[in-house]
Amino acid sequence: MPEVIFTGPAGRLEGRYHPAKQKNAPIAMILHPHPQFHGTMNHQIVYQCYYAFAHRGFSVLRFNFRGVGRSQGSFDHGTGELSDAASALDWAQAINPEARACWVAGFSFGAWIGMQLLMRRPEVEGFISIAPPANLYDFSFLAPCPSSGLIVHGDKDAVVPPKDVNTLVEKLKTQKGIVIDQQVIPGANHFFDGKLEPLMETVTGYLDMRLANVR
């Protein structure tokens, strides 16, 4: 799991990168939760997602947003973090010029950033949004949502009430040409305490289903 440093808009960004064995392997990027609430690339959910993609033959990148760990800069309320994510994807694509596809996964704040990146990068063909904070941030930019993906959340989430995620999903489901898969983890709070296993079973099950349709 090589440690990598690449240039972002506010200076150096620190990440971990897993290169795939195949030259034309797809790329996946995993985005961490809120930097001001202990969110880092080493968060357990980010780490587990990173390996879920790696085990399925992806070249995978996770990195620290500006001001986190050894990444330079300071928290920028989402604007700068979106620029960081775009730079990170640029870096991953530059070293994987033959990559045939790209996925973005994010947890909480990272899910919000990931969904915005989706709108700007037509090459992203799939996404995984874990506990997207639909009540805390504006998701109206998803008009229309360009890719199919998974939205997964807990039914005991006190940070992001399930009804707000349901509203977001219902809105996205009205769009033609994409499929939004919503999964609810029973008994899970926003951080999936004690529910990491069912969360990852849902994530990997969705990934396997999508990848089976590609091959």
N, C-alpha and C. Protein backbone atom coordinates (compact mmCIF):
# COMPACT_ATOMS: atom_id res chain seq x y z
N MET A 1 0.86 -1.19 0.00
CA MET A 1 0.00 0.00 0.00
C MET A 1 0.89 1.23 0.00
N PRO A 2 1.37 1.63 -1.17
CA PRO A 2 2.31 2.75 -1.21
C PRO A 2 1.71 4.07 -0.72
N GLU A 3 2.53 4.79 0.03
CA GLU A 3 2.16 6.14 0.44
C GLU A 3 2.46 7.05 -0.75
N VAL A 4 1.58 7.95 -1.06
CA VAL A 4 1.81 8.85 -2.20
C VAL A 4 1.60 10.30 -1.77
N ILE A 5 2.31 11.18 -2.44
CA ILE A 5 2.15 12.62 -2.25
C ILE A 5 1.93 13.21 -3.64
N PHE A 6 0.89 14.01 -3.80
CA PHE A 6 0.66 14.66 -5.09
C PHE A 6 0.22 16.09 -4.84
N THR A 7 0.25 16.88 -5.88
CA THR A 7 -0.03 18.31 -5.73
C THR A 7 -1.51 18.60 -5.85
N GLY A 8 -2.04 19.28 -4.86
CA GLY A 8 -3.42 19.74 -4.89
C GLY A 8 -3.46 21.25 -5.04
N PRO A 9 -4.64 21.83 -5.12
CA PRO A 9 -4.76 23.28 -5.32
C PRO A 9 -4.19 24.11 -4.16
N ALA A 10 -4.15 23.54 -2.94
CA ALA A 10 -3.66 24.29 -1.78
C ALA A 10 -2.32 23.75 -1.29
N GLY A 11 -1.65 22.97 -2.13
CA GLY A 11 -0.36 22.40 -1.73
C GLY A 11 -0.39 20.88 -1.78
N ARG A 12 0.53 20.31 -1.06
CA ARG A 12 0.73 18.86 -1.08
C ARG A 12 -0.46 18.12 -0.47
N LEU A 13 -0.86 17.02 -1.11
CA LEU A 13 -1.89 16.14 -0.55
C LEU A 13 -1.28 14.76 -0.34
N GLU A 14 -1.63 14.17 0.78
CA GLU A 14 -1.08 12.86 1.14
C GLU A 14 -2.13 11.78 0.90
N GLY A 15 -1.72 10.65 0.35
CA GLY A 15 -2.67 9.59 0.10
C GLY A 15 -2.05 8.21 0.21
N ARG A 16 -2.89 7.21 0.00
CA ARG A 16 -2.45 5.82 -0.12
C ARG A 16 -3.00 5.31 -1.44
N TYR A 17 -2.15 4.59 -2.16
CA TYR A 17 -2.53 4.17 -3.50
C TYR A 17 -2.24 2.69 -3.69
N HIS A 18 -3.22 1.98 -4.20
CA HIS A 18 -3.06 0.56 -4.51
C HIS A 18 -3.13 0.39 -6.03
N PRO A 19 -2.01 0.09 -6.68
CA PRO A 19 -2.05 -0.10 -8.13
C PRO A 19 -2.59 -1.49 -8.48
N ALA A 20 -3.43 -1.53 -9.49
CA ALA A 20 -3.94 -2.83 -9.96
C ALA A 20 -2.87 -3.52 -10.80
N LYS A 21 -3.01 -4.84 -10.91
CA LYS A 21 -2.04 -5.59 -11.73
C LYS A 21 -2.29 -5.38 -13.23
N GLN A 22 -3.56 -5.23 -13.60
CA GLN A 22 -3.91 -5.05 -15.02
C GLN A 22 -3.74 -3.60 -15.44
N LYS A 23 -3.25 -3.41 -16.65
CA LYS A 23 -2.99 -2.04 -17.14
C LYS A 23 -4.25 -1.22 -17.32
N ASN A 24 -5.29 -1.85 -17.83
CA ASN A 24 -6.52 -1.09 -18.13
C ASN A 24 -7.56 -1.20 -17.02
N ALA A 25 -7.09 -1.52 -15.82
CA ALA A 25 -8.01 -1.70 -14.69
C ALA A 25 -8.75 -0.40 -14.39
N PRO A 26 -9.98 -0.50 -13.89
CA PRO A 26 -10.71 0.71 -13.51
C PRO A 26 -10.09 1.37 -12.28
N ILE A 27 -10.39 2.65 -12.11
CA ILE A 27 -9.90 3.43 -10.97
C ILE A 27 -11.04 3.62 -9.97
N ALA A 28 -10.71 3.58 -8.68
CA ALA A 28 -11.69 3.97 -7.65
C ALA A 28 -11.03 4.96 -6.70
N MET A 29 -11.81 5.92 -6.26
CA MET A 29 -11.32 6.90 -5.29
C MET A 29 -12.29 6.94 -4.11
N ILE A 30 -11.73 6.90 -2.89
CA ILE A 30 -12.54 6.85 -1.67
C ILE A 30 -12.34 8.16 -0.91
N LEU A 31 -13.46 8.81 -0.54
CA LEU A 31 -13.40 10.14 0.10
C LEU A 31 -13.86 10.06 1.56
N HIS A 32 -13.06 10.68 2.44
CA HIS A 32 -13.29 10.52 3.88
C HIS A 32 -14.31 11.50 4.44
N PRO A 33 -14.78 11.22 5.66
CA PRO A 33 -15.79 12.10 6.29
C PRO A 33 -15.21 13.44 6.74
N HIS A 34 -16.03 14.23 7.40
CA HIS A 34 -15.75 15.64 7.68
C HIS A 34 -14.42 15.85 8.40
N PRO A 35 -13.55 16.69 7.81
CA PRO A 35 -12.23 16.94 8.40
C PRO A 35 -12.27 17.52 9.80
N GLN A 36 -13.32 18.24 10.14
CA GLN A 36 -13.38 18.87 11.46
C GLN A 36 -14.04 17.98 12.52
N PHE A 37 -14.42 16.76 12.09
CA PHE A 37 -14.99 15.79 13.03
C PHE A 37 -14.22 14.47 12.94
N HIS A 38 -12.90 14.63 12.96
CA HIS A 38 -11.98 13.47 12.98
C HIS A 38 -12.01 12.64 11.70
N GLY A 39 -12.46 13.21 10.61
CA GLY A 39 -12.46 12.48 9.34
C GLY A 39 -11.07 12.44 8.72
N THR A 40 -10.57 11.23 8.42
CA THR A 40 -9.29 11.07 7.73
C THR A 40 -9.40 9.89 6.77
N MET A 41 -8.37 9.73 5.94
CA MET A 41 -8.36 8.61 4.99
C MET A 41 -8.19 7.27 5.69
N ASN A 42 -7.84 7.29 6.99
CA ASN A 42 -7.68 6.05 7.74
C ASN A 42 -8.94 5.66 8.52
N HIS A 43 -10.02 6.40 8.30
CA HIS A 43 -11.30 6.04 8.92
C HIS A 43 -11.65 4.61 8.51
N GLN A 44 -12.19 3.86 9.45
CA GLN A 44 -12.44 2.43 9.21
C GLN A 44 -13.30 2.16 7.98
N ILE A 45 -14.35 2.96 7.75
CA ILE A 45 -15.22 2.74 6.60
C ILE A 45 -14.48 3.05 5.29
N VAL A 46 -13.69 4.12 5.29
CA VAL A 46 -12.89 4.47 4.11
C VAL A 46 -11.89 3.35 3.81
N TYR A 47 -11.24 2.87 4.86
CA TYR A 47 -10.25 1.80 4.75
C TYR A 47 -10.86 0.52 4.18
N GLN A 48 -12.02 0.16 4.71
CA GLN A 48 -12.71 -1.06 4.25
C GLN A 48 -13.15 -0.93 2.79
N CYS A 49 -13.64 0.23 2.41
CA CYS A 49 -14.06 0.44 1.02
C CYS A 49 -12.85 0.38 0.08
N TYR A 50 -11.75 0.95 0.53
CA TYR A 50 -10.50 0.94 -0.25
C TYR A 50 -10.13 -0.50 -0.60
N TYR A 51 -10.17 -1.36 0.40
CA TYR A 51 -9.79 -2.76 0.15
C TYR A 51 -10.86 -3.52 -0.63
N ALA A 52 -12.11 -3.14 -0.47
CA ALA A 52 -13.17 -3.80 -1.25
C ALA A 52 -12.93 -3.59 -2.75
N PHE A 53 -12.56 -2.38 -3.13
CA PHE A 53 -12.25 -2.10 -4.54
C PHE A 53 -10.94 -2.77 -4.95
N ALA A 54 -9.93 -2.71 -4.09
CA ALA A 54 -8.62 -3.31 -4.42
C ALA A 54 -8.77 -4.80 -4.69
N HIS A 55 -9.55 -5.49 -3.86
CA HIS A 55 -9.73 -6.94 -4.03
C HIS A 55 -10.49 -7.28 -5.30
N ARG A 56 -11.12 -6.30 -5.89
CA ARG A 56 -11.88 -6.53 -7.13
C ARG A 56 -11.13 -6.00 -8.36
N GLY A 57 -9.84 -5.80 -8.22
CA GLY A 57 -9.00 -5.49 -9.38
C GLY A 57 -8.93 -4.02 -9.77
N PHE A 58 -9.37 -3.13 -8.88
CA PHE A 58 -9.29 -1.69 -9.17
C PHE A 58 -7.93 -1.14 -8.75
N SER A 59 -7.50 -0.07 -9.41
CA SER A 59 -6.46 0.79 -8.86
C SER A 59 -7.18 1.77 -7.94
N VAL A 60 -6.78 1.82 -6.68
CA VAL A 60 -7.57 2.57 -5.69
C VAL A 60 -6.73 3.65 -5.00
N LEU A 61 -7.36 4.81 -4.82
CA LEU A 61 -6.72 5.92 -4.12
C LEU A 61 -7.62 6.40 -2.99
N ARG A 62 -7.02 6.58 -1.82
CA ARG A 62 -7.69 7.34 -0.74
C ARG A 62 -6.69 8.41 -0.32
N PHE A 63 -7.17 9.53 0.11
CA PHE A 63 -6.25 10.62 0.44
C PHE A 63 -6.86 11.50 1.52
N ASN A 64 -6.02 12.31 2.14
CA ASN A 64 -6.49 13.27 3.14
C ASN A 64 -6.81 14.60 2.47
N PHE A 65 -8.01 15.11 2.73
CA PHE A 65 -8.34 16.46 2.26
C PHE A 65 -7.37 17.47 2.88
N ARG A 66 -7.33 18.64 2.30
CA ARG A 66 -6.48 19.75 2.78
C ARG A 66 -6.62 19.93 4.31
N GLY A 67 -5.47 20.13 4.95
CA GLY A 67 -5.47 20.39 6.38
C GLY A 67 -5.62 19.17 7.26
N VAL A 68 -5.69 17.99 6.64
CA VAL A 68 -5.83 16.75 7.42
C VAL A 68 -4.52 15.96 7.29
N GLY A 69 -4.03 15.44 8.43
CA GLY A 69 -2.79 14.67 8.40
C GLY A 69 -1.65 15.53 7.86
N ARG A 70 -0.98 15.01 6.84
CA ARG A 70 0.14 15.75 6.25
C ARG A 70 -0.27 16.51 4.99
N SER A 71 -1.56 16.58 4.71
CA SER A 71 -2.01 17.37 3.56
C SER A 71 -2.01 18.85 3.92
N GLN A 72 -1.48 19.65 3.03
CA GLN A 72 -1.35 21.09 3.29
C GLN A 72 -2.67 21.82 3.06
N GLY A 73 -2.74 23.04 3.58
CA GLY A 73 -3.94 23.86 3.42
C GLY A 73 -4.80 23.81 4.67
N SER A 74 -5.98 24.37 4.59
CA SER A 74 -6.90 24.35 5.73
C SER A 74 -8.33 24.12 5.23
N PHE A 75 -9.18 23.69 6.15
CA PHE A 75 -10.56 23.33 5.81
C PHE A 75 -11.26 24.46 5.04
N ASP A 76 -11.99 24.08 3.98
CA ASP A 76 -12.58 25.10 3.10
C ASP A 76 -14.08 24.88 2.87
N HIS A 77 -14.76 24.23 3.81
CA HIS A 77 -16.22 24.11 3.79
C HIS A 77 -16.77 23.40 2.54
N GLY A 78 -15.94 22.61 1.91
CA GLY A 78 -16.42 21.82 0.77
C GLY A 78 -15.92 22.29 -0.58
N THR A 79 -15.75 23.59 -0.75
CA THR A 79 -15.32 24.11 -2.06
C THR A 79 -13.91 23.64 -2.39
N GLY A 80 -12.99 23.86 -1.46
CA GLY A 80 -11.62 23.44 -1.67
C GLY A 80 -11.48 21.93 -1.68
N GLU A 81 -12.29 21.26 -0.87
CA GLU A 81 -12.22 19.80 -0.80
C GLU A 81 -12.67 19.17 -2.11
N LEU A 82 -13.63 19.79 -2.79
CA LEU A 82 -14.03 19.31 -4.11
C LEU A 82 -12.88 19.47 -5.10
N SER A 83 -12.16 20.59 -5.01
CA SER A 83 -10.99 20.81 -5.86
C SER A 83 -9.90 19.77 -5.55
N ASP A 84 -9.74 19.44 -4.26
CA ASP A 84 -8.79 18.40 -3.88
C ASP A 84 -9.15 17.07 -4.53
N ALA A 85 -10.43 16.73 -4.48
CA ALA A 85 -10.89 15.46 -5.06
C ALA A 85 -10.66 15.43 -6.57
N ALA A 86 -10.90 16.56 -7.23
CA ALA A 86 -10.67 16.63 -8.68
C ALA A 86 -9.19 16.45 -8.99
N SER A 87 -8.32 17.06 -8.18
CA SER A 87 -6.87 16.91 -8.38
C SER A 87 -6.43 15.48 -8.13
N ALA A 88 -7.03 14.85 -7.12
CA ALA A 88 -6.70 13.46 -6.81
C ALA A 88 -7.09 12.54 -7.96
N LEU A 89 -8.26 12.78 -8.54
CA LEU A 89 -8.68 11.97 -9.68
C LEU A 89 -7.79 12.22 -10.89
N ASP A 90 -7.41 13.47 -11.09
CA ASP A 90 -6.46 13.80 -12.17
C ASP A 90 -5.17 12.99 -12.00
N TRP A 91 -4.67 12.95 -10.77
CA TRP A 91 -3.42 12.24 -10.48
C TRP A 91 -3.57 10.75 -10.78
N ALA A 92 -4.68 10.18 -10.31
CA ALA A 92 -4.91 8.74 -10.53
C ALA A 92 -5.05 8.42 -12.02
N GLN A 93 -5.70 9.31 -12.76
CA GLN A 93 -5.87 9.09 -14.19
C GLN A 93 -4.55 9.26 -14.95
N ALA A 94 -3.70 10.16 -14.47
CA ALA A 94 -2.42 10.40 -15.14
C ALA A 94 -1.52 9.17 -15.07
N ILE A 95 -1.61 8.44 -13.95
CA ILE A 95 -0.76 7.24 -13.85
C ILE A 95 -1.50 5.98 -14.31
N ASN A 96 -2.75 6.13 -14.70
CA ASN A 96 -3.53 5.02 -15.27
C ASN A 96 -4.20 5.48 -16.56
N PRO A 97 -3.41 5.88 -17.57
CA PRO A 97 -4.01 6.47 -18.77
C PRO A 97 -4.90 5.50 -19.55
N GLU A 98 -4.73 4.19 -19.32
CA GLU A 98 -5.54 3.22 -20.05
C GLU A 98 -6.75 2.74 -19.24
N ALA A 99 -6.98 3.34 -18.08
CA ALA A 99 -8.10 2.90 -17.24
C ALA A 99 -9.41 2.99 -18.00
N ARG A 100 -10.19 1.92 -17.92
CA ARG A 100 -11.41 1.87 -18.73
C ARG A 100 -12.62 2.47 -18.02
N ALA A 101 -12.50 2.70 -16.73
CA ALA A 101 -13.67 3.22 -16.00
C ALA A 101 -13.20 3.84 -14.69
N CYS A 102 -14.13 4.53 -14.04
CA CYS A 102 -13.81 5.22 -12.79
C CYS A 102 -15.01 5.18 -11.86
N TRP A 103 -14.75 4.92 -10.58
CA TRP A 103 -15.78 4.93 -9.54
C TRP A 103 -15.37 5.89 -8.43
N VAL A 104 -16.37 6.44 -7.76
CA VAL A 104 -16.11 7.29 -6.59
C VAL A 104 -16.99 6.80 -5.44
N ALA A 105 -16.35 6.64 -4.27
CA ALA A 105 -17.10 6.27 -3.07
C ALA A 105 -16.79 7.28 -1.98
N GLY A 106 -17.77 7.57 -1.15
CA GLY A 106 -17.55 8.52 -0.07
C GLY A 106 -18.47 8.24 1.10
N PHE A 107 -18.01 8.63 2.28
CA PHE A 107 -18.79 8.45 3.50
C PHE A 107 -19.10 9.82 4.09
N SER A 108 -20.39 10.09 4.33
CA SER A 108 -20.88 11.32 4.96
C SER A 108 -20.43 12.56 4.17
N PHE A 109 -19.63 13.44 4.75
CA PHE A 109 -19.11 14.61 4.02
C PHE A 109 -18.45 14.17 2.70
N GLY A 110 -17.72 13.06 2.75
CA GLY A 110 -17.07 12.52 1.55
C GLY A 110 -18.07 12.11 0.48
N ALA A 111 -19.26 11.66 0.90
CA ALA A 111 -20.30 11.30 -0.06
C ALA A 111 -20.81 12.55 -0.78
N TRP A 112 -20.94 13.63 -0.04
CA TRP A 112 -21.38 14.91 -0.64
C TRP A 112 -20.36 15.40 -1.67
N ILE A 113 -19.08 15.35 -1.30
CA ILE A 113 -18.03 15.75 -2.24
C ILE A 113 -18.02 14.83 -3.45
N GLY A 114 -18.16 13.53 -3.20
CA GLY A 114 -18.15 12.55 -4.29
C GLY A 114 -19.27 12.76 -5.29
N MET A 115 -20.45 13.08 -4.79
CA MET A 115 -21.59 13.31 -5.67
C MET A 115 -21.39 14.57 -6.52
N GLN A 116 -20.72 15.57 -5.94
CA GLN A 116 -20.43 16.78 -6.73
C GLN A 116 -19.40 16.48 -7.82
N LEU A 117 -18.42 15.68 -7.47
CA LEU A 117 -17.39 15.31 -8.44
C LEU A 117 -18.02 14.56 -9.62
N LEU A 118 -18.97 13.71 -9.28
CA LEU A 118 -19.72 12.95 -10.28
C LEU A 118 -20.30 13.85 -11.37
N MET A 119 -20.79 15.01 -10.95
CA MET A 119 -21.43 15.93 -11.89
C MET A 119 -20.43 16.57 -12.85
N ARG A 120 -19.17 16.63 -12.43
CA ARG A 120 -18.15 17.33 -13.21
C ARG A 120 -17.32 16.38 -14.06
N ARG A 121 -17.40 15.10 -13.77
CA ARG A 121 -16.52 14.14 -14.43
C ARG A 121 -17.36 13.04 -15.08
N PRO A 122 -17.66 13.19 -16.35
CA PRO A 122 -18.54 12.22 -17.02
C PRO A 122 -17.97 10.81 -17.09
N GLU A 123 -16.65 10.67 -16.86
CA GLU A 123 -16.05 9.34 -16.91
C GLU A 123 -16.38 8.49 -15.68
N VAL A 124 -16.92 9.12 -14.63
CA VAL A 124 -17.30 8.35 -13.43
C VAL A 124 -18.58 7.58 -13.74
N GLU A 125 -18.46 6.26 -13.73
CA GLU A 125 -19.61 5.45 -14.16
C GLU A 125 -20.37 4.81 -13.01
N GLY A 126 -19.82 4.91 -11.81
CA GLY A 126 -20.52 4.35 -10.67
C GLY A 126 -20.13 5.05 -9.39
N PHE A 127 -21.03 5.07 -8.42
CA PHE A 127 -20.71 5.71 -7.14
C PHE A 127 -21.29 4.91 -5.98
N ILE A 128 -20.67 5.08 -4.84
CA ILE A 128 -21.20 4.53 -3.58
C ILE A 128 -21.23 5.67 -2.59
N SER A 129 -22.43 6.02 -2.14
CA SER A 129 -22.59 7.11 -1.16
C SER A 129 -23.08 6.51 0.14
N ILE A 130 -22.24 6.57 1.16
CA ILE A 130 -22.57 6.01 2.47
C ILE A 130 -22.98 7.15 3.39
N ALA A 131 -24.22 7.07 3.88
CA ALA A 131 -24.78 8.10 4.77
C ALA A 131 -24.60 9.52 4.21
N PRO A 132 -25.08 9.77 2.98
CA PRO A 132 -24.95 11.13 2.43
C PRO A 132 -25.73 12.14 3.28
N PRO A 133 -25.11 13.24 3.69
CA PRO A 133 -25.76 14.17 4.63
C PRO A 133 -26.78 15.09 3.94
N ALA A 134 -27.88 14.50 3.55
CA ALA A 134 -28.88 15.20 2.74
C ALA A 134 -29.56 16.34 3.48
N ASN A 135 -29.53 16.32 4.81
CA ASN A 135 -30.14 17.40 5.60
C ASN A 135 -29.17 18.53 5.90
N LEU A 136 -27.87 18.27 5.75
CA LEU A 136 -26.85 19.26 6.13
C LEU A 136 -26.31 20.04 4.94
N TYR A 137 -26.37 19.44 3.77
CA TYR A 137 -25.81 20.07 2.56
C TYR A 137 -26.83 20.01 1.43
N ASP A 138 -26.67 20.92 0.51
CA ASP A 138 -27.57 21.01 -0.64
C ASP A 138 -27.14 19.98 -1.70
N PHE A 139 -28.03 19.09 -2.04
CA PHE A 139 -27.75 18.11 -3.08
C PHE A 139 -28.50 18.42 -4.38
N SER A 140 -29.05 19.63 -4.48
CA SER A 140 -29.87 19.96 -5.66
C SER A 140 -29.05 20.01 -6.95
N PHE A 141 -27.71 20.00 -6.82
CA PHE A 141 -26.86 20.00 -8.02
C PHE A 141 -27.03 18.71 -8.82
N LEU A 142 -27.60 17.67 -8.21
CA LEU A 142 -27.78 16.39 -8.91
C LEU A 142 -28.99 16.47 -9.84
N ALA A 143 -28.90 17.31 -10.82
CA ALA A 143 -30.02 17.51 -11.73
C ALA A 143 -29.50 17.64 -13.16
N PRO A 144 -29.46 16.58 -13.93
CA PRO A 144 -29.75 15.20 -13.50
C PRO A 144 -28.50 14.52 -12.96
N CYS A 145 -28.70 13.44 -12.19
CA CYS A 145 -27.58 12.64 -11.71
C CYS A 145 -27.06 11.80 -12.89
N PRO A 146 -25.77 11.89 -13.22
CA PRO A 146 -25.28 11.30 -14.45
C PRO A 146 -24.96 9.80 -14.39
N SER A 147 -24.89 9.22 -13.20
CA SER A 147 -24.44 7.82 -13.09
C SER A 147 -25.32 7.03 -12.14
N SER A 148 -25.33 5.73 -12.34
CA SER A 148 -26.01 4.84 -11.41
C SER A 148 -25.12 4.60 -10.20
N GLY A 149 -25.75 4.33 -9.06
CA GLY A 149 -24.94 4.09 -7.87
C GLY A 149 -25.76 3.58 -6.70
N LEU A 150 -25.04 3.37 -5.61
CA LEU A 150 -25.62 2.86 -4.37
C LEU A 150 -25.65 3.96 -3.33
N ILE A 151 -26.80 4.13 -2.68
CA ILE A 151 -26.91 5.01 -1.51
C ILE A 151 -27.29 4.12 -0.34
N VAL A 152 -26.44 4.08 0.67
CA VAL A 152 -26.68 3.19 1.82
C VAL A 152 -26.62 4.01 3.10
N HIS A 153 -27.56 3.75 3.99
CA HIS A 153 -27.61 4.51 5.25
C HIS A 153 -28.29 3.67 6.31
N GLY A 154 -28.19 4.12 7.55
CA GLY A 154 -28.80 3.40 8.66
C GLY A 154 -30.17 3.95 9.01
N ASP A 155 -31.02 3.08 9.59
CA ASP A 155 -32.35 3.56 9.96
C ASP A 155 -32.38 4.19 11.36
N LYS A 156 -31.23 4.18 12.04
CA LYS A 156 -31.14 4.83 13.36
C LYS A 156 -30.14 5.99 13.31
N ASP A 157 -30.01 6.60 12.16
CA ASP A 157 -29.07 7.72 11.98
C ASP A 157 -29.64 8.99 12.58
N ALA A 158 -29.01 9.48 13.65
CA ALA A 158 -29.49 10.70 14.31
C ALA A 158 -28.86 11.95 13.71
N VAL A 159 -27.77 11.80 12.95
CA VAL A 159 -27.11 12.95 12.32
C VAL A 159 -27.83 13.32 11.03
N VAL A 160 -28.14 12.31 10.24
CA VAL A 160 -28.86 12.51 8.97
C VAL A 160 -30.11 11.64 9.03
N PRO A 161 -31.27 12.23 9.37
CA PRO A 161 -32.49 11.42 9.48
C PRO A 161 -32.80 10.67 8.18
N PRO A 162 -33.19 9.40 8.30
CA PRO A 162 -33.49 8.60 7.10
C PRO A 162 -34.47 9.26 6.14
N LYS A 163 -35.42 10.05 6.68
CA LYS A 163 -36.42 10.68 5.80
C LYS A 163 -35.76 11.64 4.80
N ASP A 164 -34.66 12.29 5.23
CA ASP A 164 -33.97 13.22 4.33
C ASP A 164 -33.25 12.46 3.21
N VAL A 165 -32.68 11.31 3.55
CA VAL A 165 -32.03 10.49 2.52
C VAL A 165 -33.10 9.93 1.57
N ASN A 166 -34.23 9.52 2.14
CA ASN A 166 -35.33 9.00 1.30
C ASN A 166 -35.80 10.04 0.29
N THR A 167 -35.90 11.30 0.74
CA THR A 167 -36.32 12.38 -0.16
C THR A 167 -35.34 12.54 -1.31
N LEU A 168 -34.05 12.49 -0.98
CA LEU A 168 -33.00 12.59 -2.01
C LEU A 168 -33.11 11.44 -3.00
N VAL A 169 -33.26 10.23 -2.47
CA VAL A 169 -33.33 9.04 -3.33
C VAL A 169 -34.56 9.10 -4.24
N GLU A 170 -35.69 9.48 -3.68
CA GLU A 170 -36.93 9.54 -4.49
C GLU A 170 -36.77 10.53 -5.63
N LYS A 171 -36.10 11.64 -5.35
CA LYS A 171 -35.86 12.63 -6.39
C LYS A 171 -34.98 12.05 -7.51
N LEU A 172 -33.93 11.36 -7.10
CA LEU A 172 -33.00 10.79 -8.09
C LEU A 172 -33.65 9.67 -8.90
N LYS A 173 -34.57 8.95 -8.26
CA LYS A 173 -35.19 7.79 -8.93
C LYS A 173 -36.14 8.20 -10.05
N THR A 174 -36.51 9.49 -10.09
CA THR A 174 -37.40 9.93 -11.17
C THR A 174 -36.65 10.07 -12.49
N GLN A 175 -35.33 10.04 -12.43
CA GLN A 175 -34.53 10.23 -13.65
C GLN A 175 -34.45 8.96 -14.46
N LYS A 176 -34.53 9.12 -15.77
CA LYS A 176 -34.44 7.98 -16.67
C LYS A 176 -32.97 7.70 -17.02
N GLY A 177 -32.69 6.45 -17.30
CA GLY A 177 -31.35 6.09 -17.78
C GLY A 177 -30.34 5.74 -16.71
N ILE A 178 -30.69 5.97 -15.44
CA ILE A 178 -29.80 5.56 -14.35
C ILE A 178 -30.60 4.75 -13.34
N VAL A 179 -29.89 3.97 -12.54
CA VAL A 179 -30.55 3.18 -11.49
C VAL A 179 -29.89 3.53 -10.15
N ILE A 180 -30.71 4.01 -9.22
CA ILE A 180 -30.23 4.31 -7.88
C ILE A 180 -30.68 3.18 -6.96
N ASP A 181 -29.72 2.50 -6.37
CA ASP A 181 -30.00 1.39 -5.47
C ASP A 181 -29.91 1.92 -4.04
N GLN A 182 -31.00 1.92 -3.32
CA GLN A 182 -31.00 2.38 -1.93
C GLN A 182 -31.04 1.17 -1.00
N GLN A 183 -30.14 1.14 -0.03
CA GLN A 183 -30.13 0.06 0.96
C GLN A 183 -30.09 0.69 2.36
N VAL A 184 -30.92 0.17 3.24
CA VAL A 184 -30.98 0.65 4.61
C VAL A 184 -30.46 -0.44 5.54
N ILE A 185 -29.50 -0.09 6.39
CA ILE A 185 -28.93 -1.04 7.33
C ILE A 185 -29.71 -0.94 8.65
N PRO A 186 -30.46 -1.99 9.01
CA PRO A 186 -31.26 -1.93 10.24
C PRO A 186 -30.40 -1.74 11.49
N GLY A 187 -30.84 -0.83 12.35
CA GLY A 187 -30.16 -0.60 13.62
C GLY A 187 -28.89 0.22 13.54
N ALA A 188 -28.52 0.67 12.33
CA ALA A 188 -27.24 1.39 12.16
C ALA A 188 -27.41 2.89 12.41
N ASN A 189 -26.45 3.45 13.16
CA ASN A 189 -26.42 4.90 13.32
C ASN A 189 -25.58 5.52 12.20
N HIS A 190 -25.29 6.80 12.31
CA HIS A 190 -24.57 7.48 11.23
C HIS A 190 -23.17 6.91 11.01
N PHE A 191 -22.60 6.38 12.09
CA PHE A 191 -21.21 5.89 12.02
C PHE A 191 -21.12 4.38 11.86
N PHE A 192 -22.30 3.75 11.76
CA PHE A 192 -22.38 2.29 11.58
C PHE A 192 -21.65 1.56 12.71
N ASP A 193 -21.74 2.11 13.93
CA ASP A 193 -21.13 1.45 15.09
C ASP A 193 -21.75 0.07 15.28
N GLY A 194 -20.91 -0.94 15.29
CA GLY A 194 -21.39 -2.31 15.44
C GLY A 194 -22.08 -2.87 14.21
N LYS A 195 -22.13 -2.08 13.13
CA LYS A 195 -22.83 -2.50 11.90
C LYS A 195 -21.91 -2.42 10.68
N LEU A 196 -20.61 -2.42 10.92
CA LEU A 196 -19.67 -2.32 9.80
C LEU A 196 -19.77 -3.53 8.87
N GLU A 197 -19.99 -4.69 9.46
CA GLU A 197 -20.06 -5.91 8.65
C GLU A 197 -21.24 -5.89 7.68
N PRO A 198 -22.47 -5.64 8.16
CA PRO A 198 -23.59 -5.56 7.19
C PRO A 198 -23.42 -4.41 6.18
N LEU A 199 -22.80 -3.31 6.61
CA LEU A 199 -22.55 -2.21 5.67
C LEU A 199 -21.65 -2.70 4.54
N MET A 200 -20.54 -3.34 4.90
CA MET A 200 -19.59 -3.76 3.87
C MET A 200 -20.15 -4.90 3.01
N GLU A 201 -20.99 -5.74 3.60
CA GLU A 201 -21.66 -6.78 2.80
C GLU A 201 -22.55 -6.13 1.74
N THR A 202 -23.20 -5.05 2.11
CA THR A 202 -24.05 -4.32 1.16
C THR A 202 -23.21 -3.67 0.06
N VAL A 203 -22.12 -3.04 0.45
CA VAL A 203 -21.24 -2.36 -0.51
C VAL A 203 -20.63 -3.38 -1.48
N THR A 204 -20.08 -4.46 -0.95
CA THR A 204 -19.42 -5.45 -1.82
C THR A 204 -20.44 -6.18 -2.68
N GLY A 205 -21.62 -6.43 -2.13
CA GLY A 205 -22.68 -7.09 -2.91
C GLY A 205 -23.08 -6.23 -4.10
N TYR A 206 -23.20 -4.92 -3.87
CA TYR A 206 -23.54 -4.01 -4.96
C TYR A 206 -22.44 -3.96 -6.01
N LEU A 207 -21.20 -3.85 -5.54
CA LEU A 207 -20.07 -3.81 -6.46
C LEU A 207 -20.01 -5.07 -7.32
N ASP A 208 -20.16 -6.22 -6.67
CA ASP A 208 -20.11 -7.49 -7.42
C ASP A 208 -21.22 -7.58 -8.46
N MET A 209 -22.40 -7.08 -8.10
CA MET A 209 -23.53 -7.08 -9.04
C MET A 209 -23.22 -6.21 -10.25
N ARG A 210 -22.69 -5.01 -10.00
CA ARG A 210 -22.37 -4.10 -11.11
C ARG A 210 -21.24 -4.64 -11.98
N LEU A 211 -20.22 -5.21 -11.33
CA LEU A 211 -19.06 -5.71 -12.09
C LEU A 211 -19.42 -6.95 -12.91
N ALA A 212 -20.35 -7.74 -12.40
CA ALA A 212 -20.78 -8.94 -13.14
C ALA A 212 -21.45 -8.54 -14.45
N ASN A 213 -22.10 -7.39 -14.44
CA ASN A 213 -22.78 -6.90 -15.66
C ASN A 213 -21.80 -6.31 -16.69
N VAL A 214 -20.59 -5.99 -16.22
CA VAL A 214 -19.60 -5.39 -17.10
C VAL A 214 -18.83 -6.46 -17.88
N ARG A 215 -18.54 -7.56 -17.17
CA ARG A 215 -17.67 -8.58 -17.76
C ARG A 215 -18.38 -9.40 -18.82
